[in-house]
Amino acid sequence: MAPPGSCDCHFHVFGKPDAYPVRHENPLYALPTSGLSEALAMHARIGIDRGLLVHPTIYTTDNSLLVDSLAAIGSTRYRGVALVDQTTSDAELERLHGAGVRGARFHFMPKIGMVPDLTGFRRTLERIAALGWFAKVFASGNELADVAPELIRAPLPILLDHMCKIDFSLGLDQPGHQLVLRLLEHDHLWIQLSNGDTGPDGPTAPPWQAALPFGQAYFAAAPDRTVWGSDFPHVLYSYSGNPRRAVPDDADLIGLLYGYLPDEAAREAVLVQNPARLAGW
C-alpha cells in the first residue's frame, strides 16, 4: 500500500462515445471501457488519496470529459492535466483552471500525431505559466534532443513523461539516458517514474528488472522533483500491432516504484510531498 496522502500523477479515464466522441483522426488504441469509477476503485485498493487526471490523446483538445470528471470528484483531492495548443483561447485556459486543471501535456512522439509547432509551443508555455501550471512533455530520443533547448529555457516546471521512454536494454551509457540526466540538472525539470513495466523484460511479469537502475538514477538526480504515475488503464498494452499481454496489477507497479527508491523518506517524497508542490495542493 502507498503511504497516506499518496498521489497518482498520471492516470486516464474514458467516456461513452455518444457523450464523448473520439476526436483523434488516427487513434493508436481502441477506446477503453475504464471510466472514472474504475480508476477511483483502483486508487482505493492501492492506497492512493490524490491524483492528476491526464486527458487522453484520443479526445485531442476537447477537454469536456476532463472537466466533467473533475466536477464529479472535486478538486480537493484530484486535479487535471489538459491537452491544449496555440489555438486554445485564453478564456478556455481560464475555464480549465477554474475546473481544477493545473497542467498541460504536450506530445513530441511522431506516432501520436500531435507534435506542436515550436513557436506555438513556446507561446502556449508562456500562457499556462501565467496561470501557475506545469507542462508535461512526452518526448524520447531525437525528439527529446530537438526540444531540449526549449525545455531548458521554459518559464515553468517541466515534467518529463514516462521516463522519456528510454530503451532500458541499451544500458545506462546510452545518449538518451545521459540527456535526461543533464536535463535534470535544471531545477525546473521534473521526471515521472512510470512505464517501467513496458521495457524489454515486460510486460511478462514483475519485477521488471531492466527498469530499476534507470529509475534509481533519475530519483538520485532529482529527489525533490520526481513523481510517480500508474498510467491506468494502461492503453500502451493495446496499441495497434503491439502484442502486449495482460495489463499489470497497479499494486505491482507500486512495488516497482519502491524498487527505485532507497527508503521510506524517498517514498514519502515521490508519492506525497513532490506531487503536492507540483500541483499546488
C-alpha atoms as a PDB file:
ATOM      1  CA  MET A   1       0.000   0.000   0.000  1.00  0.00           C
ATOM      2  CA  ALA A   2       1.062   3.550  -0.676  1.00  0.00           C
ATOM      3  CA  PRO A   3       1.577   5.947   2.276  1.00  0.00           C
ATOM      4  CA  PRO A   4      -1.256   8.298   3.323  1.00  0.00           C
ATOM      5  CA  GLY A   5      -1.616  11.304   1.032  1.00  0.00           C
ATOM      6  CA  SER A   6      -0.098   9.495  -1.970  1.00  0.00           C
ATOM      7  CA  CYS A   7      -0.751  10.853  -5.454  1.00  0.00           C
ATOM      8  CA  ASP A   8      -1.034   9.078  -8.805  1.00  0.00           C
ATOM      9  CA  CYS A   9       0.309  11.741 -11.161  1.00  0.00           C
ATOM     10  CA  HIS A  10      -0.750  10.030 -14.379  1.00  0.00           C
ATOM     11  CA  PHE A  11      -3.977   8.150 -14.971  1.00  0.00           C
ATOM     12  CA  HIS A  12      -6.733   8.366 -17.565  1.00  0.00           C
ATOM     13  CA  VAL A  13     -10.478   7.895 -17.718  1.00  0.00           C
ATOM     14  CA  PHE A  14     -12.610   7.322 -20.800  1.00  0.00           C
ATOM     15  CA  GLY A  15     -16.251   8.072 -21.508  1.00  0.00           C
ATOM     16  CA  LYS A  16     -19.077   6.649 -23.546  1.00  0.00           C
ATOM     17  CA  PRO A  17     -18.582   7.608 -27.210  1.00  0.00           C
ATOM     18  CA  ASP A  18     -22.055   9.086 -27.630  1.00  0.00           C
ATOM     19  CA  ALA A  19     -21.257  11.664 -24.943  1.00  0.00           C
ATOM     20  CA  TYR A  20     -17.512  11.987 -25.538  1.00  0.00           C
ATOM     21  CA  PRO A  21     -16.674  11.140 -29.159  1.00  0.00           C
ATOM     22  CA  VAL A  22     -13.147  10.225 -30.205  1.00  0.00           C
ATOM     23  CA  ARG A  23     -11.602  13.288 -31.863  1.00  0.00           C
ATOM     24  CA  HIS A  24      -8.241  11.910 -32.996  1.00  0.00           C
ATOM     25  CA  GLU A  25      -8.138  11.065 -36.709  1.00  0.00           C
ATOM     26  CA  ASN A  26      -5.799   8.104 -36.174  1.00  0.00           C
ATOM     27  CA  PRO A  27      -6.081   6.817 -32.595  1.00  0.00           C
ATOM     28  CA  LEU A  28      -3.397   4.316 -31.656  1.00  0.00           C
ATOM     29  CA  TYR A  29      -5.653   2.211 -29.475  1.00  0.00           C
ATOM     30  CA  ALA A  30      -9.268   1.126 -29.214  1.00  0.00           C
ATOM     31  CA  LEU A  31     -11.487   3.120 -26.886  1.00  0.00           C
ATOM     32  CA  PRO A  32     -11.092   1.591 -23.402  1.00  0.00           C
ATOM     33  CA  THR A  33     -14.105   0.953 -21.215  1.00  0.00           C
ATOM     34  CA  SER A  34     -12.480   2.158 -17.992  1.00  0.00           C
ATOM     35  CA  GLY A  35     -14.259   5.185 -16.618  1.00  0.00           C
ATOM     36  CA  LEU A  36     -13.959   7.285 -13.500  1.00  0.00           C
ATOM     37  CA  SER A  37     -15.423   4.685 -11.136  1.00  0.00           C
ATOM     38  CA  GLU A  38     -12.859   2.077 -12.178  1.00  0.00           C
ATOM     39  CA  ALA A  39      -9.978   4.498 -11.680  1.00  0.00           C
ATOM     40  CA  LEU A  40     -11.176   5.553  -8.239  1.00  0.00           C
ATOM     41  CA  ALA A  41     -11.678   1.920  -7.233  1.00  0.00           C
ATOM     42  CA  MET A  42      -8.097   1.145  -8.254  1.00  0.00           C
ATOM     43  CA  HIS A  43      -6.837   4.086  -6.204  1.00  0.00           C
ATOM     44  CA  ALA A  44      -8.799   2.969  -3.157  1.00  0.00           C
ATOM     45  CA  ARG A  45      -7.409  -0.556  -3.468  1.00  0.00           C
ATOM     46  CA  ILE A  46      -3.735   0.501  -3.508  1.00  0.00           C
ATOM     47  CA  GLY A  47      -3.985   3.429  -1.096  1.00  0.00           C
ATOM     48  CA  ILE A  48      -3.943   6.445  -3.429  1.00  0.00           C
ATOM     49  CA  ASP A  49      -5.602   9.530  -1.937  1.00  0.00           C
ATOM     50  CA  ARG A  50      -4.965  12.109  -4.660  1.00  0.00           C
ATOM     51  CA  GLY A  51      -4.488  12.146  -8.396  1.00  0.00           C
ATOM     52  CA  LEU A  52      -3.653  14.076 -11.535  1.00  0.00           C
ATOM     53  CA  LEU A  53      -6.156  13.076 -14.188  1.00  0.00           C
ATOM     54  CA  VAL A  54      -4.442  13.286 -17.587  1.00  0.00           C
ATOM     55  CA  HIS A  55      -6.695  13.956 -20.572  1.00  0.00           C
ATOM     56  CA  PRO A  56      -6.328  11.159 -23.197  1.00  0.00           C
ATOM     57  CA  THR A  57      -4.959  11.950 -26.648  1.00  0.00           C
ATOM     58  CA  ILE A  58      -7.937  10.377 -28.424  1.00  0.00           C
ATOM     59  CA  TYR A  59     -10.042  13.401 -27.419  1.00  0.00           C
ATOM     60  CA  THR A  60      -7.361  15.886 -28.601  1.00  0.00           C
ATOM     61  CA  THR A  61      -8.056  19.378 -27.225  1.00  0.00           C
ATOM     62  CA  ASP A  62     -11.720  18.721 -26.440  1.00  0.00           C
ATOM     63  CA  ASN A  63     -11.317  18.607 -22.655  1.00  0.00           C
ATOM     64  CA  SER A  64     -15.020  18.033 -21.921  1.00  0.00           C
ATOM     65  CA  LEU A  65     -14.537  14.660 -20.247  1.00  0.00           C
ATOM     66  CA  LEU A  66     -11.708  16.014 -18.102  1.00  0.00           C
ATOM     67  CA  VAL A  67     -13.793  18.954 -16.902  1.00  0.00           C
ATOM     68  CA  ASP A  68     -16.818  16.751 -16.221  1.00  0.00           C
ATOM     69  CA  SER A  69     -14.720  14.179 -14.350  1.00  0.00           C
ATOM     70  CA  LEU A  70     -13.140  16.823 -12.131  1.00  0.00           C
ATOM     71  CA  ALA A  71     -16.572  18.256 -11.395  1.00  0.00           C
ATOM     72  CA  ALA A  72     -17.747  14.785 -10.363  1.00  0.00           C
ATOM     73  CA  ILE A  73     -14.905  14.166  -7.893  1.00  0.00           C
ATOM     74  CA  GLY A  74     -13.948  17.701  -6.889  1.00  0.00           C
ATOM     75  CA  SER A  75     -10.531  19.362  -6.999  1.00  0.00           C
ATOM     76  CA  THR A  76      -9.739  18.917  -3.309  1.00  0.00           C
ATOM     77  CA  ARG A  77      -8.047  15.572  -3.970  1.00  0.00           C
ATOM     78  CA  TYR A  78      -7.949  15.429  -7.777  1.00  0.00           C
ATOM     79  CA  ARG A  79      -6.675  17.869 -10.352  1.00  0.00           C
ATOM     80  CA  GLY A  80      -6.308  17.744 -14.098  1.00  0.00           C
ATOM     81  CA  VAL A  81      -3.768  17.847 -16.921  1.00  0.00           C
ATOM     82  CA  ALA A  82      -5.365  19.127 -20.127  1.00  0.00           C
ATOM     83  CA  LEU A  83      -4.453  18.975 -23.795  1.00  0.00           C
ATOM     84  CA  VAL A  84      -4.125  22.498 -25.175  1.00  0.00           C
ATOM     85  CA  ASP A  85      -2.318  24.184 -28.042  1.00  0.00           C
ATOM     86  CA  GLN A  86      -1.813  27.591 -29.608  1.00  0.00           C
ATOM     87  CA  THR A  87      -5.448  27.625 -30.796  1.00  0.00           C
ATOM     88  CA  THR A  88      -6.786  27.296 -27.245  1.00  0.00           C
ATOM     89  CA  SER A  89      -8.162  30.670 -26.183  1.00  0.00           C
ATOM     90  CA  ASP A  90      -7.183  32.485 -23.002  1.00  0.00           C
ATOM     91  CA  ALA A  91     -10.813  32.238 -21.908  1.00  0.00           C
ATOM     92  CA  GLU A  92     -10.703  28.451 -22.294  1.00  0.00           C
ATOM     93  CA  LEU A  93      -7.498  28.257 -20.277  1.00  0.00           C
ATOM     94  CA  GLU A  94      -9.186  30.253 -17.512  1.00  0.00           C
ATOM     95  CA  ARG A  95     -12.197  27.911 -17.634  1.00  0.00           C
ATOM     96  CA  LEU A  96      -9.935  24.868 -17.351  1.00  0.00           C
ATOM     97  CA  HIS A  97      -8.096  26.453 -14.434  1.00  0.00           C
ATOM     98  CA  GLY A  98     -11.374  27.052 -12.647  1.00  0.00           C
ATOM     99  CA  ALA A  99     -12.289  23.406 -13.209  1.00  0.00           C
ATOM    100  CA  GLY A 100      -9.142  22.255 -11.409  1.00  0.00           C
ATOM    101  CA  VAL A 101      -6.634  21.878 -14.236  1.00  0.00           C
ATOM    102  CA  ARG A 102      -3.070  22.616 -13.160  1.00  0.00           C
ATOM    103  CA  GLY A 103      -1.012  21.296 -16.066  1.00  0.00           C
ATOM    104  CA  ALA A 104      -0.950  20.730 -19.827  1.00  0.00           C
ATOM    105  CA  ARG A 105       0.510  17.797 -21.738  1.00  0.00           C
ATOM    106  CA  PHE A 106       2.464  18.115 -24.989  1.00  0.00           C
ATOM    107  CA  HIS A 107       3.372  15.205 -27.260  1.00  0.00           C
ATOM    108  CA  PHE A 108       6.555  15.163 -29.332  1.00  0.00           C
ATOM    109  CA  MET A 109       6.310  11.466 -30.250  1.00  0.00           C
ATOM    110  CA  PRO A 110       5.529  11.487 -34.006  1.00  0.00           C
ATOM    111  CA  LYS A 111       3.377   8.343 -33.906  1.00  0.00           C
ATOM    112  CA  ILE A 112       0.876  10.132 -31.671  1.00  0.00           C
ATOM    113  CA  GLY A 113       0.352  12.746 -34.371  1.00  0.00           C
ATOM    114  CA  MET A 114       0.165  15.810 -32.133  1.00  0.00           C
ATOM    115  CA  VAL A 115       3.679  17.291 -32.333  1.00  0.00           C
ATOM    116  CA  PRO A 116       3.388  21.034 -31.661  1.00  0.00           C
ATOM    117  CA  ASP A 117       4.993  23.778 -33.693  1.00  0.00           C
ATOM    118  CA  LEU A 118       7.858  25.102 -31.565  1.00  0.00           C
ATOM    119  CA  THR A 119       6.776  28.728 -31.896  1.00  0.00           C
ATOM    120  CA  GLY A 120       3.267  27.858 -30.808  1.00  0.00           C
ATOM    121  CA  PHE A 121       4.621  25.608 -28.074  1.00  0.00           C
ATOM    122  CA  ARG A 122       6.745  28.444 -26.691  1.00  0.00           C
ATOM    123  CA  ARG A 123       3.799  30.837 -26.656  1.00  0.00           C
ATOM    124  CA  THR A 124       1.498  28.270 -25.045  1.00  0.00           C
ATOM    125  CA  LEU A 125       4.048  27.651 -22.292  1.00  0.00           C
ATOM    126  CA  GLU A 126       4.115  31.367 -21.554  1.00  0.00           C
ATOM    127  CA  ARG A 127       0.323  31.480 -21.282  1.00  0.00           C
ATOM    128  CA  ILE A 128      -0.015  28.478 -18.973  1.00  0.00           C
ATOM    129  CA  ALA A 129       2.938  29.677 -16.882  1.00  0.00           C
ATOM    130  CA  ALA A 130       0.904  32.798 -16.139  1.00  0.00           C
ATOM    131  CA  LEU A 131      -1.732  30.527 -14.592  1.00  0.00           C
ATOM    132  CA  GLY A 132       0.812  28.755 -12.408  1.00  0.00           C
ATOM    133  CA  TRP A 133       0.552  25.484 -14.345  1.00  0.00           C
ATOM    134  CA  PHE A 134       3.263  22.971 -15.182  1.00  0.00           C
ATOM    135  CA  ALA A 135       3.899  21.344 -18.575  1.00  0.00           C
ATOM    136  CA  LYS A 136       4.037  17.592 -19.064  1.00  0.00           C
ATOM    137  CA  VAL A 137       6.243  16.682 -22.032  1.00  0.00           C
ATOM    138  CA  PHE A 138       6.190  13.292 -23.741  1.00  0.00           C
ATOM    139  CA  ALA A 139       9.350  13.006 -25.834  1.00  0.00           C
ATOM    140  CA  SER A 140      12.114  10.487 -26.371  1.00  0.00           C
ATOM    141  CA  GLY A 141      15.283  10.007 -28.401  1.00  0.00           C
ATOM    142  CA  ASN A 142      15.836  12.501 -31.186  1.00  0.00           C
ATOM    143  CA  GLU A 143      12.597  14.305 -30.401  1.00  0.00           C
ATOM    144  CA  LEU A 144      13.735  14.930 -26.831  1.00  0.00           C
ATOM    145  CA  ALA A 145      17.130  16.147 -28.054  1.00  0.00           C
ATOM    146  CA  ASP A 146      15.446  18.539 -30.505  1.00  0.00           C
ATOM    147  CA  VAL A 147      13.110  20.065 -27.914  1.00  0.00           C
ATOM    148  CA  ALA A 148      15.645  20.083 -25.041  1.00  0.00           C
ATOM    149  CA  PRO A 149      16.729  23.727 -25.580  1.00  0.00           C
ATOM    150  CA  GLU A 150      13.080  24.813 -25.320  1.00  0.00           C
ATOM    151  CA  LEU A 151      12.641  22.834 -22.106  1.00  0.00           C
ATOM    152  CA  ILE A 152      15.776  24.264 -20.531  1.00  0.00           C
ATOM    153  CA  ARG A 153      14.625  27.868 -21.044  1.00  0.00           C
ATOM    154  CA  ALA A 154      10.939  27.210 -20.291  1.00  0.00           C
ATOM    155  CA  PRO A 155       9.328  29.616 -17.795  1.00  0.00           C
ATOM    156  CA  LEU A 156       7.542  26.939 -15.734  1.00  0.00           C
ATOM    157  CA  PRO A 157       8.066  23.449 -14.289  1.00  0.00           C
ATOM    158  CA  ILE A 158       8.502  20.779 -16.967  1.00  0.00           C
ATOM    159  CA  LEU A 159       7.575  17.195 -16.094  1.00  0.00           C
ATOM    160  CA  LEU A 160       9.317  14.630 -18.314  1.00  0.00           C
ATOM    161  CA  ASP A 161       6.741  11.964 -19.014  1.00  0.00           C
ATOM    162  CA  HIS A 162       7.098   8.168 -18.729  1.00  0.00           C
ATOM    163  CA  MET A 163      10.868   8.182 -18.029  1.00  0.00           C
ATOM    164  CA  CYS A 164      11.244   9.577 -21.580  1.00  0.00           C
ATOM    165  CA  LYS A 165      10.563   6.085 -22.978  1.00  0.00           C
ATOM    166  CA  ILE A 166      14.223   5.151 -22.625  1.00  0.00           C
ATOM    167  CA  ASP A 167      15.150   1.758 -24.078  1.00  0.00           C
ATOM    168  CA  PHE A 168      16.351   0.048 -20.917  1.00  0.00           C
ATOM    169  CA  SER A 169      18.104  -2.680 -22.925  1.00  0.00           C
ATOM    170  CA  LEU A 170      20.703  -0.157 -24.191  1.00  0.00           C
ATOM    171  CA  GLY A 171      22.167   0.453 -20.747  1.00  0.00           C
ATOM    172  CA  LEU A 172      22.984   3.483 -18.660  1.00  0.00           C
ATOM    173  CA  ASP A 173      25.631   4.859 -21.028  1.00  0.00           C
ATOM    174  CA  GLN A 174      23.188   5.422 -23.892  1.00  0.00           C
ATOM    175  CA  PRO A 175      22.874   9.042 -25.113  1.00  0.00           C
ATOM    176  CA  GLY A 176      19.155   9.263 -24.360  1.00  0.00           C
ATOM    177  CA  HIS A 177      19.588   8.409 -20.696  1.00  0.00           C
ATOM    178  CA  GLN A 178      22.544  10.754 -20.353  1.00  0.00           C
ATOM    179  CA  LEU A 179      20.451  13.556 -21.886  1.00  0.00           C
ATOM    180  CA  VAL A 180      17.710  13.003 -19.308  1.00  0.00           C
ATOM    181  CA  LEU A 181      20.270  13.259 -16.512  1.00  0.00           C
ATOM    182  CA  ARG A 182      21.608  16.516 -17.971  1.00  0.00           C
ATOM    183  CA  LEU A 183      18.098  17.933 -18.176  1.00  0.00           C
ATOM    184  CA  LEU A 184      17.501  17.044 -14.541  1.00  0.00           C
ATOM    185  CA  GLU A 185      20.412  19.290 -13.587  1.00  0.00           C
ATOM    186  CA  HIS A 186      17.987  22.194 -14.163  1.00  0.00           C
ATOM    187  CA  ASP A 187      15.827  22.979 -11.148  1.00  0.00           C
ATOM    188  CA  HIS A 188      12.570  23.336 -13.099  1.00  0.00           C
ATOM    189  CA  LEU A 189      12.883  19.944 -14.838  1.00  0.00           C
ATOM    190  CA  TRP A 190      10.994  17.055 -13.194  1.00  0.00           C
ATOM    191  CA  ILE A 191      10.740  13.336 -14.018  1.00  0.00           C
ATOM    192  CA  GLN A 192       7.817  10.929 -13.802  1.00  0.00           C
ATOM    193  CA  LEU A 193       8.656   7.339 -12.904  1.00  0.00           C
ATOM    194  CA  SER A 194       6.152   5.386 -14.984  1.00  0.00           C
ATOM    195  CA  ASN A 195       6.033   2.821 -17.800  1.00  0.00           C
ATOM    196  CA  GLY A 196       8.961   0.877 -16.350  1.00  0.00           C
ATOM    197  CA  ASP A 197       6.781  -2.177 -16.914  1.00  0.00           C
ATOM    198  CA  THR A 198       6.753  -1.676 -20.697  1.00  0.00           C
ATOM    199  CA  GLY A 199      10.507  -2.155 -21.185  1.00  0.00           C
ATOM    200  CA  PRO A 200      12.351  -5.117 -22.722  1.00  0.00           C
ATOM    201  CA  ASP A 201      11.582  -7.540 -19.907  1.00  0.00           C
ATOM    202  CA  GLY A 202       7.934  -6.502 -19.638  1.00  0.00           C
ATOM    203  CA  PRO A 203       5.062  -6.856 -19.703  1.00  0.00           C
ATOM    204  CA  THR A 204       5.523 -10.540 -18.864  1.00  0.00           C
ATOM    205  CA  ALA A 205       5.674 -10.184 -15.074  1.00  0.00           C
ATOM    206  CA  PRO A 206       7.163  -8.242 -12.185  1.00  0.00           C
ATOM    207  CA  PRO A 207       9.789  -7.212 -11.136  1.00  0.00           C
ATOM    208  CA  TRP A 208      10.803  -5.634 -14.476  1.00  0.00           C
ATOM    209  CA  GLN A 209      14.470  -5.629 -13.526  1.00  0.00           C
ATOM    210  CA  ALA A 210      15.719  -3.707 -16.569  1.00  0.00           C
ATOM    211  CA  ALA A 211      13.980  -0.531 -15.415  1.00  0.00           C
ATOM    212  CA  LEU A 212      15.437  -0.494 -11.910  1.00  0.00           C
ATOM    213  CA  PRO A 213      18.819   1.201 -12.498  1.00  0.00           C
ATOM    214  CA  PHE A 214      17.159   3.910 -14.598  1.00  0.00           C
ATOM    215  CA  GLY A 215      14.505   4.731 -12.014  1.00  0.00           C
ATOM    216  CA  GLN A 216      17.151   4.731  -9.313  1.00  0.00           C
ATOM    217  CA  ALA A 217      19.345   7.099 -11.338  1.00  0.00           C
ATOM    218  CA  TYR A 218      16.507   9.534 -12.032  1.00  0.00           C
ATOM    219  CA  PHE A 219      15.481   9.710  -8.400  1.00  0.00           C
ATOM    220  CA  ALA A 220      19.087  10.223  -7.335  1.00  0.00           C
ATOM    221  CA  ALA A 221      19.415  13.073  -9.853  1.00  0.00           C
ATOM    222  CA  ALA A 222      16.261  14.906  -8.727  1.00  0.00           C
ATOM    223  CA  PRO A 223      14.879  13.525  -5.447  1.00  0.00           C
ATOM    224  CA  ASP A 224      12.714  16.596  -4.869  1.00  0.00           C
ATOM    225  CA  ARG A 225      11.466  16.661  -8.488  1.00  0.00           C
ATOM    226  CA  THR A 226      10.420  13.046  -9.014  1.00  0.00           C
ATOM    227  CA  VAL A 227       6.813  11.817  -9.063  1.00  0.00           C
ATOM    228  CA  TRP A 228       5.015   8.583  -9.948  1.00  0.00           C
ATOM    229  CA  GLY A 229       2.145   7.692 -12.257  1.00  0.00           C
ATOM    230  CA  SER A 230       0.269   4.435 -12.781  1.00  0.00           C
ATOM    231  CA  ASP A 231      -0.770   5.110 -16.412  1.00  0.00           C
ATOM    232  CA  PHE A 232      -4.083   3.366 -15.648  1.00  0.00           C
ATOM    233  CA  PRO A 233      -5.827   1.841 -17.610  1.00  0.00           C
ATOM    234  CA  HIS A 234      -2.572   1.036 -19.437  1.00  0.00           C
ATOM    235  CA  VAL A 235      -3.512   1.766 -23.041  1.00  0.00           C
ATOM    236  CA  LEU A 236       0.103   1.062 -24.080  1.00  0.00           C
ATOM    237  CA  TYR A 237      -0.848  -2.595 -23.818  1.00  0.00           C
ATOM    238  CA  SER A 238      -3.355  -2.271 -26.646  1.00  0.00           C
ATOM    239  CA  TYR A 239      -1.511  -0.171 -29.218  1.00  0.00           C
ATOM    240  CA  SER A 240      -2.241  -1.236 -32.771  1.00  0.00           C
ATOM    241  CA  GLY A 241       0.079  -4.072 -33.754  1.00  0.00           C
ATOM    242  CA  ASN A 242       1.623  -4.259 -30.298  1.00  0.00           C
ATOM    243  CA  PRO A 243       1.484  -7.860 -28.999  1.00  0.00           C
ATOM    244  CA  ARG A 244       1.016  -6.930 -25.356  1.00  0.00           C
ATOM    245  CA  ARG A 245      -0.407  -9.367 -22.869  1.00  0.00           C
ATOM    246  CA  ALA A 246      -2.427  -8.847 -19.701  1.00  0.00           C
ATOM    247  CA  VAL A 247      -2.070  -5.420 -18.112  1.00  0.00           C
ATOM    248  CA  PRO A 248      -0.111  -5.217 -14.846  1.00  0.00           C
ATOM    249  CA  ASP A 249      -1.636  -5.046 -11.403  1.00  0.00           C
ATOM    250  CA  ASP A 250      -1.245  -1.455 -10.218  1.00  0.00           C
ATOM    251  CA  ALA A 251      -0.175  -2.731  -6.799  1.00  0.00           C
ATOM    252  CA  ASP A 252       2.779  -4.394  -8.541  1.00  0.00           C
ATOM    253  CA  LEU A 253       3.652  -1.029 -10.109  1.00  0.00           C
ATOM    254  CA  ILE A 254       3.853   0.477  -6.619  1.00  0.00           C
ATOM    255  CA  GLY A 255       6.263  -2.370  -5.868  1.00  0.00           C
ATOM    256  CA  LEU A 256       8.325  -1.427  -8.927  1.00  0.00           C
ATOM    257  CA  LEU A 257       8.421   2.180  -7.726  1.00  0.00           C
ATOM    258  CA  TYR A 258       9.655   1.045  -4.324  1.00  0.00           C
ATOM    259  CA  GLY A 259      12.484  -0.745  -6.125  1.00  0.00           C
ATOM    260  CA  TYR A 260      13.627   2.622  -7.470  1.00  0.00           C
ATOM    261  CA  LEU A 261      13.590   4.312  -4.083  1.00  0.00           C
ATOM    262  CA  PRO A 262      16.094   3.780  -1.269  1.00  0.00           C
ATOM    263  CA  ASP A 263      13.949   4.258   1.826  1.00  0.00           C
ATOM    264  CA  GLU A 264      10.672   5.356   3.376  1.00  0.00           C
ATOM    265  CA  ALA A 265      11.608   9.036   3.204  1.00  0.00           C
ATOM    266  CA  ALA A 266      12.099   8.720  -0.554  1.00  0.00           C
ATOM    267  CA  ARG A 267       8.676   7.085  -0.927  1.00  0.00           C
ATOM    268  CA  GLU A 268       7.098   9.903   1.049  1.00  0.00           C
ATOM    269  CA  ALA A 269       8.817  12.454  -1.178  1.00  0.00           C
ATOM    270  CA  VAL A 270       7.830  10.882  -4.501  1.00  0.00           C
ATOM    271  CA  LEU A 271       4.286   9.896  -3.622  1.00  0.00           C
ATOM    272  CA  VAL A 272       3.230  12.694  -1.260  1.00  0.00           C
ATOM    273  CA  GLN A 273       5.457  15.755  -0.940  1.00  0.00           C
ATOM    274  CA  ASN A 274       6.653  16.288  -4.512  1.00  0.00           C
ATOM    275  CA  PRO A 275       3.205  15.952  -6.168  1.00  0.00           C
ATOM    276  CA  ALA A 276       1.757  18.382  -3.626  1.00  0.00           C
ATOM    277  CA  ARG A 277       4.308  21.006  -4.678  1.00  0.00           C
ATOM    278  CA  LEU A 278       3.920  20.325  -8.387  1.00  0.00           C
ATOM    279  CA  ALA A 279       0.119  20.533  -8.460  1.00  0.00           C
ATOM    280  CA  GLY A 280      -0.267  23.194  -5.779  1.00  0.00           C
ATOM    281  CA  TRP A 281      -2.026  21.266  -3.036  1.00  0.00           C
END
